[in-house]
Each structure stands twice: as structure tokens, then as C-alpha cells.
Amino acid sequence: MYEMGYILLYYKNKTGKEFIIMATKQKNAADVLIIGAGPAGITASIYALRAGLSVIVLDGNLYGGQAAITSQIENYPAIRSISGAIFAQQLYQQAIDLKANIRFEEVTSVDFSQKTKTVVTTKNTYMAKAVIVANGVKRRLLHCSGEKELTGKGVSYCATCDGMFFRNKEVIIVGGGNTALEDALFLSNQCQKVLLVHRKETFTAEKALVDAVMARKNITIMYNSQVTKINGRHKVTSANIYDSHKKETSTIPIDGVFIAIGYAPDNHIVSDFLDTSPEGYLSASEDCHTKIDGVFVAGDTRTKPLRQIVTACSDGAVAAIAASSYISKQY
């Protein structure tokens, strides 16, 4: 095997046998390139580094993924309770201590058609022997009038990021899953009033969260309701809420709207090379292999029955070992 950081160019003769015709060492080359610095991506980097491989991790935003903006994590084994920000920082620091090369650059395109994989960002072009796609998911949009225009002006998708700007004010949180209820509890500690708007009659969140929300005096719940319009010019001033049972719309004065209606995959960059489910998730089995040799998928971005931090970390470890095995056999 060539030293880490070498990219090998191959020639294939008429019989199909491959020969190495050039080996070049590049600054923007690695044994394993990981797209995404969330729990799956960083765990993959830790396992790949411990296997003796060179690693580059790329992320267009921040390390930690969705975990970093989770107010409190209470279902990770051996950790009774930890803030998402601290969990993300500790995960990131563990990788850095192992000399992980984590770069904050947005991936714009990929080419998985050759044995040596190419990944292009807004700043550089990278080459790698193996790629692990661990780009996670993004928050779903409400797609109502005023949402886009007032994003950053009272419309937010991250309660832990922006809650402090609404101290002693009145806000709406939209959703009925774990994230929405966690956000409602977090905001209720800072805001004068929190209006939880849910389109169904019952929550899909865990019972412990539902009980906690029900017990919080400054949280009001509107069932069978949807935000249909967010009003304001330079900032949010009110929201139109449609009650599907009463068949009527009311306009409620409000200072902010927090949207927490789940997540969606964002795999258009790699979808030309990898198969996706009807919902847009990347097709991969529990071994994290894809249909392309040398390309693996880990974390929330792949088809799976459960998307949690612990399953993302599991995927990262599996994908890294699979990549290590692939490289040792092919190079």
C-alpha cells in the first residue's frame, strides 16, 4: 500500500488487468473523504484514523450536525444528560486530538465514476480512495406565505440558537414530534408565552416530553391547527392559524415563529451516482455499502428505521471499517 495521501492513477489492459502508472501525493487528497461533520461523520473519522488512514472531513456548516442544536440529549448510552452543544464539542475535540483534518467547505459536486473519487467544494477539489457520505438531513420548511421573507427576522428553525432573542416575548412553535416539544420546553424557560401549534389531535413525541409540556404553565397547545401565513414587514408581528375542526382562521399577534416539523434528506449532489428511496434517502444496507465500490453511506441520510445520535455513530463506525477493508484490498 502507498503512503497516506497518495492518489494512484490506473491503466487497464485488454485482459482487464490494472497497472499503476502514476502515484502522486496531493494536499487535497486522502485515503478517506467524509462528507458531513455530524455524529456519523466525525465517528467515521475517529475509526478511520485509528485504522491508520488519512482522513479529510468536509462540512458546509458547523460540526455536530443536528445534535449541536439540540438543547438536551438524554438517550445516549452512559451519558445521563448533556447539552447538544457540549456533546458536539467533545465529539469534535476527540477527532481533532487524533489529528482529523476537518474543513468547513460546502460540497458542490462529486464524481464517483472512477476508482479515485473526486469531491468538489466551493474552495477546493479533493481526491480520495474512498468516500463516506454522512451529510445528515435538513429541517423541513413550512412553505407558507411570509416564511421565506421573514426568515432571520422572527422566523427560526433553531430554538437553541435563537431563543435568547425572544426573552420575555411571545412565540409560536410549530410541530408535534420530539424536536418540537423539546424546543417548546426550551423556549418556555425564556419566553413569556409559547403557543404550540400541531396539525393533529395527538403528539408523536415521547410520552415523557408530552407530560413535561402539559405541565408547563406558559405553554398553550392548539391541536388540529396549521400556520398558514406569517405576517410582518421588517419583523414578525402575527401569524394566521387555521383550525381544521372549526374551519376558521384566526390572526394571533406574535413576536417569533419557530418551525420544527421534522427533517428531510438533501442528497441531490450525489443522487446522480447513488440510488435513493422515494423519500430521497440514500439506499444502503446495515453494512453502509452503496452500489458503487468505495462509496459508503452513514447516518440519517441513509434508508433506516431509526434516526438517532446513537445509530448515526454506529453507522459511522461501520462505514469507516468498511472503507478501511475496501482500501486494504484495492490498494
C-alpha atoms as a PDB file:
ATOM      1  CA  MET A   1       0.000   0.000   0.000  1.00  0.00           C
ATOM      2  CA  TYR A   2       1.228   3.507  -0.827  1.00  0.00           C
ATOM      3  CA  GLU A   3       1.665   6.058   1.955  1.00  0.00           C
ATOM      4  CA  MET A   4      -1.354   8.022   3.085  1.00  0.00           C
ATOM      5  CA  GLY A   5      -2.219  10.974   0.861  1.00  0.00           C
ATOM      6  CA  TYR A   6      -1.118   9.318  -2.385  1.00  0.00           C
ATOM      7  CA  ILE A   7      -3.553   9.177  -5.282  1.00  0.00           C
ATOM      8  CA  LEU A   8      -2.985   6.341  -7.729  1.00  0.00           C
ATOM      9  CA  LEU A   9      -3.768   6.509 -11.441  1.00  0.00           C
ATOM     10  CA  TYR A  10      -4.501   3.224 -13.167  1.00  0.00           C
ATOM     11  CA  TYR A  11      -4.227   1.734 -16.638  1.00  0.00           C
ATOM     12  CA  LYS A  12      -6.335  -1.285 -17.558  1.00  0.00           C
ATOM     13  CA  ASN A  13      -5.099  -3.560 -20.391  1.00  0.00           C
ATOM     14  CA  LYS A  14      -7.216  -5.570 -22.796  1.00  0.00           C
ATOM     15  CA  THR A  15      -7.420  -8.506 -20.407  1.00  0.00           C
ATOM     16  CA  GLY A  16      -8.846  -6.285 -17.704  1.00  0.00           C
ATOM     17  CA  LYS A  17      -5.717  -6.298 -15.508  1.00  0.00           C
ATOM     18  CA  GLU A  18      -4.936  -2.990 -13.805  1.00  0.00           C
ATOM     19  CA  PHE A  19      -1.500  -1.383 -13.570  1.00  0.00           C
ATOM     20  CA  ILE A  20      -0.475   1.639 -11.538  1.00  0.00           C
ATOM     21  CA  ILE A  21       1.019   4.166 -13.941  1.00  0.00           C
ATOM     22  CA  MET A  22       1.369   7.128 -11.580  1.00  0.00           C
ATOM     23  CA  ALA A  23       1.294   7.811  -7.837  1.00  0.00           C
ATOM     24  CA  THR A  24       1.062  11.443  -6.774  1.00  0.00           C
ATOM     25  CA  LYS A  25       0.844  12.954  -3.312  1.00  0.00           C
ATOM     26  CA  GLN A  26      -1.594  15.827  -3.024  1.00  0.00           C
ATOM     27  CA  LYS A  27      -2.502  18.240  -0.241  1.00  0.00           C
ATOM     28  CA  ASN A  28      -6.181  17.827  -1.024  1.00  0.00           C
ATOM     29  CA  ALA A  29      -6.070  14.039  -1.165  1.00  0.00           C
ATOM     30  CA  ALA A  30      -6.786  11.429   1.487  1.00  0.00           C
ATOM     31  CA  ASP A  31      -7.453   7.763   1.944  1.00  0.00           C
ATOM     32  CA  VAL A  32     -10.975   8.529   3.153  1.00  0.00           C
ATOM     33  CA  LEU A  33     -13.003  11.663   2.480  1.00  0.00           C
ATOM     34  CA  ILE A  34     -16.081  12.157   4.648  1.00  0.00           C
ATOM     35  CA  ILE A  35     -18.930  14.455   3.623  1.00  0.00           C
ATOM     36  CA  GLY A  36     -20.526  15.744   6.813  1.00  0.00           C
ATOM     37  CA  ALA A  37     -19.217  16.546  10.296  1.00  0.00           C
ATOM     38  CA  GLY A  38     -22.179  15.332  12.321  1.00  0.00           C
ATOM     39  CA  PRO A  39     -22.079  12.384  14.745  1.00  0.00           C
ATOM     40  CA  ALA A  40     -21.876   9.864  11.869  1.00  0.00           C
ATOM     41  CA  GLY A  41     -19.143  11.722  10.001  1.00  0.00           C
ATOM     42  CA  ILE A  42     -16.966  12.510  12.996  1.00  0.00           C
ATOM     43  CA  THR A  43     -17.332   8.981  14.400  1.00  0.00           C
ATOM     44  CA  ALA A  44     -16.288   7.663  10.988  1.00  0.00           C
ATOM     45  CA  SER A  45     -13.219   9.909  11.069  1.00  0.00           C
ATOM     46  CA  ILE A  46     -12.260   8.620  14.527  1.00  0.00           C
ATOM     47  CA  TYR A  47     -12.480   4.982  13.451  1.00  0.00           C
ATOM     48  CA  ALA A  48     -10.708   5.614  10.139  1.00  0.00           C
ATOM     49  CA  LEU A  49      -7.861   7.486  11.864  1.00  0.00           C
ATOM     50  CA  ARG A  50      -7.477   4.718  14.414  1.00  0.00           C
ATOM     51  CA  ALA A  51      -7.200   2.308  11.480  1.00  0.00           C
ATOM     52  CA  GLY A  52      -4.183   4.248  10.236  1.00  0.00           C
ATOM     53  CA  LEU A  53      -5.877   6.031   7.335  1.00  0.00           C
ATOM     54  CA  SER A  54      -5.598   9.673   6.320  1.00  0.00           C
ATOM     55  CA  VAL A  55      -8.922  11.486   6.616  1.00  0.00           C
ATOM     56  CA  ILE A  56     -10.468  14.730   5.386  1.00  0.00           C
ATOM     57  CA  VAL A  57     -13.901  15.740   6.696  1.00  0.00           C
ATOM     58  CA  LEU A  58     -15.930  18.373   4.831  1.00  0.00           C
ATOM     59  CA  ASP A  59     -18.955  20.260   6.128  1.00  0.00           C
ATOM     60  CA  GLY A  60     -20.552  23.434   4.855  1.00  0.00           C
ATOM     61  CA  ASN A  61     -21.889  24.488   8.257  1.00  0.00           C
ATOM     62  CA  LEU A  62     -20.826  23.502  11.767  1.00  0.00           C
ATOM     63  CA  TYR A  63     -19.598  20.328  13.408  1.00  0.00           C
ATOM     64  CA  GLY A  64     -22.088  18.207  15.322  1.00  0.00           C
ATOM     65  CA  GLY A  65     -24.933  18.364  12.805  1.00  0.00           C
ATOM     66  CA  GLN A  66     -28.433  18.413  14.298  1.00  0.00           C
ATOM     67  CA  ALA A  67     -27.033  17.228  17.630  1.00  0.00           C
ATOM     68  CA  ALA A  68     -25.245  20.556  18.048  1.00  0.00           C
ATOM     69  CA  ILE A  69     -28.525  22.470  18.077  1.00  0.00           C
ATOM     70  CA  THR A  70     -30.380  20.044  20.347  1.00  0.00           C
ATOM     71  CA  SER A  71     -30.980  21.607  23.744  1.00  0.00           C
ATOM     72  CA  GLN A  72     -30.512  18.435  25.791  1.00  0.00           C
ATOM     73  CA  ILE A  73     -29.531  14.834  24.961  1.00  0.00           C
ATOM     74  CA  GLU A  74     -30.825  12.258  27.431  1.00  0.00           C
ATOM     75  CA  ASN A  75     -30.906   8.983  25.458  1.00  0.00           C
ATOM     76  CA  TYR A  76     -27.240   8.404  24.636  1.00  0.00           C
ATOM     77  CA  PRO A  77     -25.836   5.350  26.481  1.00  0.00           C
ATOM     78  CA  ALA A  78     -23.660   6.065  29.547  1.00  0.00           C
ATOM     79  CA  ILE A  79     -24.462   9.800  29.414  1.00  0.00           C
ATOM     80  CA  ARG A  80     -27.463  10.602  31.579  1.00  0.00           C
ATOM     81  CA  SER A  81     -27.854  14.138  30.278  1.00  0.00           C
ATOM     82  CA  ILE A  82     -25.723  16.513  28.191  1.00  0.00           C
ATOM     83  CA  SER A  83     -26.392  19.618  26.123  1.00  0.00           C
ATOM     84  CA  GLY A  84     -26.176  19.124  22.383  1.00  0.00           C
ATOM     85  CA  ALA A  85     -23.561  21.854  22.051  1.00  0.00           C
ATOM     86  CA  ILE A  86     -21.244  20.224  24.612  1.00  0.00           C
ATOM     87  CA  PHE A  87     -21.754  16.772  23.088  1.00  0.00           C
ATOM     88  CA  ALA A  88     -20.821  18.125  19.650  1.00  0.00           C
ATOM     89  CA  GLN A  89     -17.777  19.949  21.035  1.00  0.00           C
ATOM     90  CA  GLN A  90     -16.475  16.849  22.802  1.00  0.00           C
ATOM     91  CA  LEU A  91     -17.013  14.687  19.710  1.00  0.00           C
ATOM     92  CA  TYR A  92     -15.216  17.248  17.542  1.00  0.00           C
ATOM     93  CA  GLN A  93     -12.326  17.588  20.009  1.00  0.00           C
ATOM     94  CA  GLN A  94     -11.848  13.824  20.140  1.00  0.00           C
ATOM     95  CA  ALA A  95     -11.401  13.769  16.370  1.00  0.00           C
ATOM     96  CA  ILE A  96      -9.080  16.788  16.427  1.00  0.00           C
ATOM     97  CA  ASP A  97      -6.922  15.120  19.096  1.00  0.00           C
ATOM     98  CA  LEU A  98      -6.466  12.233  16.649  1.00  0.00           C
ATOM     99  CA  LYS A  99      -5.314  14.772  14.006  1.00  0.00           C
ATOM    100  CA  ALA A 100      -8.511  14.743  11.977  1.00  0.00           C
ATOM    101  CA  ASN A 101      -8.466  17.256   9.120  1.00  0.00           C
ATOM    102  CA  ILE A 102     -11.894  18.890   9.376  1.00  0.00           C
ATOM    103  CA  ARG A 103     -12.573  21.641   6.858  1.00  0.00           C
ATOM    104  CA  PHE A 104     -15.675  23.827   6.683  1.00  0.00           C
ATOM    105  CA  GLU A 105     -16.354  23.909   2.966  1.00  0.00           C
ATOM    106  CA  GLU A 106     -19.637  23.286   1.170  1.00  0.00           C
ATOM    107  CA  VAL A 107     -19.599  20.350  -1.247  1.00  0.00           C
ATOM    108  CA  THR A 108     -20.962  21.391  -4.649  1.00  0.00           C
ATOM    109  CA  SER A 109     -20.435  18.260  -6.770  1.00  0.00           C
ATOM    110  CA  VAL A 110     -18.947  14.772  -6.786  1.00  0.00           C
ATOM    111  CA  ASP A 111     -17.635  12.290  -9.348  1.00  0.00           C
ATOM    112  CA  PHE A 112     -17.802   8.659  -8.280  1.00  0.00           C
ATOM    113  CA  SER A 113     -17.362   7.253 -11.799  1.00  0.00           C
ATOM    114  CA  GLN A 114     -13.660   6.428 -11.381  1.00  0.00           C
ATOM    115  CA  LYS A 115     -11.758   4.305  -8.886  1.00  0.00           C
ATOM    116  CA  THR A 116     -10.308   7.501  -7.428  1.00  0.00           C
ATOM    117  CA  LYS A 117     -13.255   9.561  -6.183  1.00  0.00           C
ATOM    118  CA  THR A 118     -13.484  13.326  -6.696  1.00  0.00           C
ATOM    119  CA  VAL A 119     -15.312  15.780  -4.455  1.00  0.00           C
ATOM    120  CA  VAL A 120     -15.568  19.472  -5.318  1.00  0.00           C
ATOM    121  CA  THR A 121     -16.297  22.220  -2.785  1.00  0.00           C
ATOM    122  CA  THR A 122     -16.691  25.979  -3.014  1.00  0.00           C
ATOM    123  CA  LYS A 123     -12.946  26.263  -2.338  1.00  0.00           C
ATOM    124  CA  ASN A 124     -11.110  23.127  -3.482  1.00  0.00           C
ATOM    125  CA  THR A 125     -11.167  19.878  -5.422  1.00  0.00           C
ATOM    126  CA  TYR A 126     -10.443  16.746  -3.382  1.00  0.00           C
ATOM    127  CA  MET A 127      -9.500  13.201  -4.329  1.00  0.00           C
ATOM    128  CA  ALA A 128      -9.845  10.074  -2.212  1.00  0.00           C
ATOM    129  CA  LYS A 129      -9.648   6.314  -2.344  1.00  0.00           C
ATOM    130  CA  ALA A 130     -12.967   6.005  -0.515  1.00  0.00           C
ATOM    131  CA  VAL A 131     -15.816   8.378   0.324  1.00  0.00           C
ATOM    132  CA  ILE A 132     -18.278   8.214   3.205  1.00  0.00           C
ATOM    133  CA  VAL A 133     -21.432  10.268   2.647  1.00  0.00           C
ATOM    134  CA  ALA A 134     -22.689  11.388   6.066  1.00  0.00           C
ATOM    135  CA  ASN A 135     -24.340  14.680   5.233  1.00  0.00           C
ATOM    136  CA  GLY A 136     -27.332  14.161   7.519  1.00  0.00           C
ATOM    137  CA  VAL A 137     -30.682  15.862   6.956  1.00  0.00           C
ATOM    138  CA  LYS A 138     -32.012  19.403   6.943  1.00  0.00           C
ATOM    139  CA  ARG A 139     -35.006  20.972   8.658  1.00  0.00           C
ATOM    140  CA  ARG A 140     -38.274  20.840   6.718  1.00  0.00           C
ATOM    141  CA  LEU A 141     -39.841  24.108   5.627  1.00  0.00           C
ATOM    142  CA  LEU A 142     -43.403  25.093   6.412  1.00  0.00           C
ATOM    143  CA  HIS A 143     -43.927  26.501   2.881  1.00  0.00           C
ATOM    144  CA  CYS A 144     -46.396  29.143   3.974  1.00  0.00           C
ATOM    145  CA  SER A 145     -46.677  32.772   2.940  1.00  0.00           C
ATOM    146  CA  GLY A 146     -44.155  35.005   4.741  1.00  0.00           C
ATOM    147  CA  GLU A 147     -41.874  32.170   5.884  1.00  0.00           C
ATOM    148  CA  LYS A 148     -39.072  32.837   3.423  1.00  0.00           C
ATOM    149  CA  GLU A 149     -39.323  36.617   3.596  1.00  0.00           C
ATOM    150  CA  LEU A 150     -39.180  36.703   7.410  1.00  0.00           C
ATOM    151  CA  THR A 151     -36.558  34.012   7.996  1.00  0.00           C
ATOM    152  CA  GLY A 152     -33.987  35.610  10.280  1.00  0.00           C
ATOM    153  CA  LYS A 153     -36.468  38.344  11.132  1.00  0.00           C
ATOM    154  CA  GLY A 154     -38.516  36.342  13.609  1.00  0.00           C
ATOM    155  CA  VAL A 155     -38.810  33.047  11.748  1.00  0.00           C
ATOM    156  CA  SER A 156     -36.319  30.476  13.004  1.00  0.00           C
ATOM    157  CA  TYR A 157     -35.600  26.750  12.719  1.00  0.00           C
ATOM    158  CA  CYS A 158     -33.374  26.529  15.791  1.00  0.00           C
ATOM    159  CA  ALA A 159     -34.754  27.307  19.245  1.00  0.00           C
ATOM    160  CA  THR A 160     -31.414  26.798  20.991  1.00  0.00           C
ATOM    161  CA  CYS A 161     -29.722  29.142  18.520  1.00  0.00           C
ATOM    162  CA  ASP A 162     -32.232  31.989  18.546  1.00  0.00           C
ATOM    163  CA  GLY A 163     -34.327  31.560  21.689  1.00  0.00           C
ATOM    164  CA  MET A 164     -32.322  34.171  23.573  1.00  0.00           C
ATOM    165  CA  PHE A 165     -33.551  36.873  21.176  1.00  0.00           C
ATOM    166  CA  PHE A 166     -37.127  36.294  22.342  1.00  0.00           C
ATOM    167  CA  ARG A 167     -36.636  36.553  26.082  1.00  0.00           C
ATOM    168  CA  ASN A 168     -39.893  37.633  27.772  1.00  0.00           C
ATOM    169  CA  LYS A 169     -41.691  37.663  24.414  1.00  0.00           C
ATOM    170  CA  GLU A 170     -44.441  35.510  22.906  1.00  0.00           C
ATOM    171  CA  VAL A 171     -43.629  32.896  20.279  1.00  0.00           C
ATOM    172  CA  ILE A 172     -45.154  30.070  18.263  1.00  0.00           C
ATOM    173  CA  ILE A 173     -43.544  26.652  17.870  1.00  0.00           C
ATOM    174  CA  VAL A 174     -44.899  24.517  15.007  1.00  0.00           C
ATOM    175  CA  GLY A 175     -44.741  20.714  15.198  1.00  0.00           C
ATOM    176  CA  GLY A 176     -45.676  17.666  17.234  1.00  0.00           C
ATOM    177  CA  GLY A 177     -42.594  15.450  17.384  1.00  0.00           C
ATOM    178  CA  ASN A 178     -39.703  15.230  19.834  1.00  0.00           C
ATOM    179  CA  THR A 179     -37.891  18.238  18.382  1.00  0.00           C
ATOM    180  CA  ALA A 180     -40.941  20.500  18.570  1.00  0.00           C
ATOM    181  CA  LEU A 181     -41.702  19.596  22.175  1.00  0.00           C
ATOM    182  CA  GLU A 182     -38.054  19.885  23.216  1.00  0.00           C
ATOM    183  CA  ASP A 183     -37.986  23.326  21.591  1.00  0.00           C
ATOM    184  CA  ALA A 184     -41.224  24.307  23.336  1.00  0.00           C
ATOM    185  CA  LEU A 185     -39.771  23.384  26.724  1.00  0.00           C
ATOM    186  CA  PHE A 186     -36.542  25.234  25.974  1.00  0.00           C
ATOM    187  CA  LEU A 187     -38.373  28.367  24.838  1.00  0.00           C
ATOM    188  CA  SER A 188     -40.737  28.291  27.809  1.00  0.00           C
ATOM    189  CA  ASN A 189     -37.755  28.921  30.083  1.00  0.00           C
ATOM    190  CA  GLN A 190     -37.091  32.227  28.328  1.00  0.00           C
ATOM    191  CA  CYS A 191     -40.313  33.382  26.702  1.00  0.00           C
ATOM    192  CA  GLN A 192     -43.367  34.843  28.397  1.00  0.00           C
ATOM    193  CA  LYS A 193     -45.682  32.602  26.399  1.00  0.00           C
ATOM    194  CA  VAL A 194     -45.221  29.690  23.993  1.00  0.00           C
ATOM    195  CA  LEU A 195     -48.033  28.656  21.641  1.00  0.00           C
ATOM    196  CA  LEU A 196     -47.520  25.095  20.369  1.00  0.00           C
ATOM    197  CA  VAL A 197     -49.338  24.599  17.048  1.00  0.00           C
ATOM    198  CA  HIS A 198     -49.880  20.990  15.963  1.00  0.00           C
ATOM    199  CA  ARG A 199     -51.852  19.831  12.915  1.00  0.00           C
ATOM    200  CA  LYS A 200     -53.057  16.591  14.583  1.00  0.00           C
ATOM    201  CA  GLU A 201     -55.042  15.650  17.695  1.00  0.00           C
ATOM    202  CA  THR A 202     -52.179  13.759  19.349  1.00  0.00           C
ATOM    203  CA  PHE A 203     -48.410  14.174  19.540  1.00  0.00           C
ATOM    204  CA  THR A 204     -45.883  11.791  18.015  1.00  0.00           C
ATOM    205  CA  ALA A 205     -43.288  12.746  20.632  1.00  0.00           C
ATOM    206  CA  GLU A 206     -42.154  10.580  23.543  1.00  0.00           C
ATOM    207  CA  LYS A 207     -44.560  10.428  26.495  1.00  0.00           C
ATOM    208  CA  ALA A 208     -42.034  11.990  28.878  1.00  0.00           C
ATOM    209  CA  LEU A 209     -41.823  15.069  26.660  1.00  0.00           C
ATOM    210  CA  VAL A 210     -45.590  15.277  26.261  1.00  0.00           C
ATOM    211  CA  ASP A 211     -46.058  15.112  30.042  1.00  0.00           C
ATOM    212  CA  ALA A 212     -43.439  17.813  30.569  1.00  0.00           C
ATOM    213  CA  VAL A 213     -45.098  20.132  28.042  1.00  0.00           C
ATOM    214  CA  MET A 214     -48.520  19.573  29.570  1.00  0.00           C
ATOM    215  CA  ALA A 215     -47.155  20.522  32.975  1.00  0.00           C
ATOM    216  CA  ARG A 216     -45.576  23.782  31.781  1.00  0.00           C
ATOM    217  CA  LYS A 217     -47.930  26.646  32.625  1.00  0.00           C
ATOM    218  CA  ASN A 218     -46.772  29.090  29.957  1.00  0.00           C
ATOM    219  CA  ILE A 219     -47.206  26.624  27.068  1.00  0.00           C
ATOM    220  CA  THR A 220     -50.578  26.658  25.294  1.00  0.00           C
ATOM    221  CA  ILE A 221     -51.421  23.955  22.759  1.00  0.00           C
ATOM    222  CA  MET A 222     -53.515  24.380  19.613  1.00  0.00           C
ATOM    223  CA  TYR A 223     -54.421  20.965  18.165  1.00  0.00           C
ATOM    224  CA  ASN A 224     -55.723  20.363  14.629  1.00  0.00           C
ATOM    225  CA  SER A 225     -54.205  23.658  13.564  1.00  0.00           C
ATOM    226  CA  GLN A 226     -51.760  24.964  10.976  1.00  0.00           C
ATOM    227  CA  VAL A 227     -49.874  28.200  10.465  1.00  0.00           C
ATOM    228  CA  THR A 228     -50.972  29.373   7.014  1.00  0.00           C
ATOM    229  CA  LYS A 229     -49.319  32.799   6.902  1.00  0.00           C
ATOM    230  CA  ILE A 230     -46.670  34.698   8.840  1.00  0.00           C
ATOM    231  CA  ASN A 231     -47.184  38.459   8.852  1.00  0.00           C
ATOM    232  CA  GLY A 232     -44.813  41.402   9.175  1.00  0.00           C
ATOM    233  CA  ARG A 233     -42.562  43.630   7.096  1.00  0.00           C
ATOM    234  CA  HIS A 234     -39.236  44.014   8.866  1.00  0.00           C
ATOM    235  CA  LYS A 235     -40.049  41.518  11.623  1.00  0.00           C
ATOM    236  CA  VAL A 236     -42.735  39.019  12.576  1.00  0.00           C
ATOM    237  CA  THR A 237     -45.825  40.694  14.026  1.00  0.00           C
ATOM    238  CA  SER A 238     -48.510  38.000  13.788  1.00  0.00           C
ATOM    239  CA  ALA A 239     -49.459  34.636  12.299  1.00  0.00           C
ATOM    240  CA  ASN A 240     -52.612  33.288  10.678  1.00  0.00           C
ATOM    241  CA  ILE A 241     -53.634  29.929  12.155  1.00  0.00           C
ATOM    242  CA  TYR A 242     -56.254  27.693  10.570  1.00  0.00           C
ATOM    243  CA  ASP A 243     -58.280  25.391  12.837  1.00  0.00           C
ATOM    244  CA  SER A 244     -59.327  22.360  10.748  1.00  0.00           C
ATOM    245  CA  HIS A 245     -62.084  21.380  13.193  1.00  0.00           C
ATOM    246  CA  LYS A 246     -63.691  24.788  13.497  1.00  0.00           C
ATOM    247  CA  LYS A 247     -62.943  25.552   9.819  1.00  0.00           C
ATOM    248  CA  GLU A 248     -61.818  29.058  10.704  1.00  0.00           C
ATOM    249  CA  THR A 249     -58.671  31.157  10.629  1.00  0.00           C
ATOM    250  CA  SER A 250     -57.524  33.447  13.438  1.00  0.00           C
ATOM    251  CA  THR A 251     -54.744  36.026  13.417  1.00  0.00           C
ATOM    252  CA  ILE A 252     -52.602  35.899  16.552  1.00  0.00           C
ATOM    253  CA  PRO A 253     -50.114  38.669  17.470  1.00  0.00           C
ATOM    254  CA  ILE A 254     -46.713  37.060  17.994  1.00  0.00           C
ATOM    255  CA  ASP A 255     -43.033  38.015  18.156  1.00  0.00           C
ATOM    256  CA  GLY A 256     -41.497  34.901  16.613  1.00  0.00           C
ATOM    257  CA  VAL A 257     -42.263  31.633  14.851  1.00  0.00           C
ATOM    258  CA  PHE A 258     -40.110  28.549  15.393  1.00  0.00           C
ATOM    259  CA  ILE A 259     -40.596  25.752  12.875  1.00  0.00           C
ATOM    260  CA  ALA A 260     -39.855  22.181  13.985  1.00  0.00           C
ATOM    261  CA  ILE A 261     -41.790  19.869  11.670  1.00  0.00           C
ATOM    262  CA  GLY A 262     -39.123  17.268  11.102  1.00  0.00           C
ATOM    263  CA  TYR A 263     -36.251  16.723   8.731  1.00  0.00           C
ATOM    264  CA  ALA A 264     -35.733  15.885   5.066  1.00  0.00           C
ATOM    265  CA  PRO A 265     -32.757  14.429   3.148  1.00  0.00           C
ATOM    266  CA  ASP A 266     -30.717  16.710   0.893  1.00  0.00           C
ATOM    267  CA  ASN A 267     -28.958  14.306  -1.452  1.00  0.00           C
ATOM    268  CA  HIS A 268     -29.189  15.970  -4.846  1.00  0.00           C
ATOM    269  CA  ILE A 269     -25.393  16.337  -5.039  1.00  0.00           C
ATOM    270  CA  VAL A 270     -24.813  12.574  -5.003  1.00  0.00           C
ATOM    271  CA  SER A 271     -28.120  11.319  -6.449  1.00  0.00           C
ATOM    272  CA  ASP A 272     -26.673  11.013  -9.971  1.00  0.00           C
ATOM    273  CA  PHE A 273     -24.408   8.240  -8.683  1.00  0.00           C
ATOM    274  CA  LEU A 274     -26.284   6.678  -5.757  1.00  0.00           C
ATOM    275  CA  ASP A 275     -29.771   5.203  -5.537  1.00  0.00           C
ATOM    276  CA  THR A 276     -32.353   6.952  -3.371  1.00  0.00           C
ATOM    277  CA  SER A 277     -35.644   5.914  -1.795  1.00  0.00           C
ATOM    278  CA  PRO A 278     -38.898   7.619  -2.882  1.00  0.00           C
ATOM    279  CA  GLU A 279     -38.419   9.951   0.112  1.00  0.00           C
ATOM    280  CA  GLY A 280     -34.929  10.915  -1.057  1.00  0.00           C
ATOM    281  CA  TYR A 281     -32.802   8.934   1.421  1.00  0.00           C
ATOM    282  CA  LEU A 282     -29.715   7.137   0.093  1.00  0.00           C
ATOM    283  CA  SER A 283     -30.153   3.410  -0.388  1.00  0.00           C
ATOM    284  CA  ALA A 284     -27.729   1.426   1.753  1.00  0.00           C
ATOM    285  CA  SER A 285     -27.907  -1.644   3.934  1.00  0.00           C
ATOM    286  CA  GLU A 286     -26.722  -2.032   7.530  1.00  0.00           C
ATOM    287  CA  ASP A 287     -23.148  -2.548   6.271  1.00  0.00           C
ATOM    288  CA  CYS A 288     -23.307   1.015   4.836  1.00  0.00           C
ATOM    289  CA  HIS A 289     -22.204  -0.122   1.353  1.00  0.00           C
ATOM    290  CA  THR A 290     -23.684   1.526  -1.739  1.00  0.00           C
ATOM    291  CA  LYS A 291     -23.841   0.186  -5.288  1.00  0.00           C
ATOM    292  CA  ILE A 292     -20.517   1.915  -6.050  1.00  0.00           C
ATOM    293  CA  ASP A 293     -17.327   0.312  -4.770  1.00  0.00           C
ATOM    294  CA  GLY A 294     -15.517   2.653  -2.416  1.00  0.00           C
ATOM    295  CA  VAL A 295     -18.545   4.786  -1.577  1.00  0.00           C
ATOM    296  CA  PHE A 296     -20.328   4.301   1.751  1.00  0.00           C
ATOM    297  CA  VAL A 297     -23.267   5.985   3.468  1.00  0.00           C
ATOM    298  CA  ALA A 298     -23.675   6.670   7.192  1.00  0.00           C
ATOM    299  CA  GLY A 299     -26.172   8.369   9.470  1.00  0.00           C
ATOM    300  CA  ASP A 300     -29.553   9.991   8.979  1.00  0.00           C
ATOM    301  CA  THR A 301     -29.051  10.436   5.230  1.00  0.00           C
ATOM    302  CA  ARG A 302     -29.490   6.720   4.504  1.00  0.00           C
ATOM    303  CA  THR A 303     -32.558   4.481   4.490  1.00  0.00           C
ATOM    304  CA  LYS A 304     -33.071   3.170   8.029  1.00  0.00           C
ATOM    305  CA  PRO A 305     -35.881   2.569  10.532  1.00  0.00           C
ATOM    306  CA  LEU A 306     -34.454   4.725  13.335  1.00  0.00           C
ATOM    307  CA  ARG A 307     -32.594   8.048  13.154  1.00  0.00           C
ATOM    308  CA  GLN A 308     -30.913   8.827  16.468  1.00  0.00           C
ATOM    309  CA  ILE A 309     -27.459  10.029  17.510  1.00  0.00           C
ATOM    310  CA  VAL A 310     -26.547   6.533  18.691  1.00  0.00           C
ATOM    311  CA  THR A 311     -27.498   4.967  15.332  1.00  0.00           C
ATOM    312  CA  ALA A 312     -25.596   7.682  13.460  1.00  0.00           C
ATOM    313  CA  CYS A 313     -22.457   6.958  15.477  1.00  0.00           C
ATOM    314  CA  SER A 314     -22.943   3.239  14.847  1.00  0.00           C
ATOM    315  CA  ASP A 315     -23.162   3.858  11.107  1.00  0.00           C
ATOM    316  CA  GLY A 316     -20.020   5.988  11.217  1.00  0.00           C
ATOM    317  CA  ALA A 317     -18.022   3.197  12.832  1.00  0.00           C
ATOM    318  CA  VAL A 318     -19.364   0.570  10.400  1.00  0.00           C
ATOM    319  CA  ALA A 319     -18.712   2.750   7.345  1.00  0.00           C
ATOM    320  CA  ALA A 320     -15.161   3.572   8.441  1.00  0.00           C
ATOM    321  CA  ILE A 321     -14.224  -0.077   8.958  1.00  0.00           C
ATOM    322  CA  ALA A 322     -15.852  -0.963   5.625  1.00  0.00           C
ATOM    323  CA  ALA A 323     -13.817   1.771   3.917  1.00  0.00           C
ATOM    324  CA  SER A 324     -10.635   0.538   5.599  1.00  0.00           C
ATOM    325  CA  SER A 325     -11.304  -3.007   4.405  1.00  0.00           C
ATOM    326  CA  TYR A 326     -12.010  -1.776   0.866  1.00  0.00           C
ATOM    327  CA  ILE A 327      -8.788   0.248   0.707  1.00  0.00           C
ATOM    328  CA  SER A 328      -6.621  -2.567   2.062  1.00  0.00           C
ATOM    329  CA  LYS A 329      -7.978  -4.901  -0.650  1.00  0.00           C
ATOM    330  CA  GLN A 330      -7.912  -2.469  -3.552  1.00  0.00           C
ATOM    331  CA  TYR A 331      -4.722  -0.515  -2.905  1.00  0.00           C
END
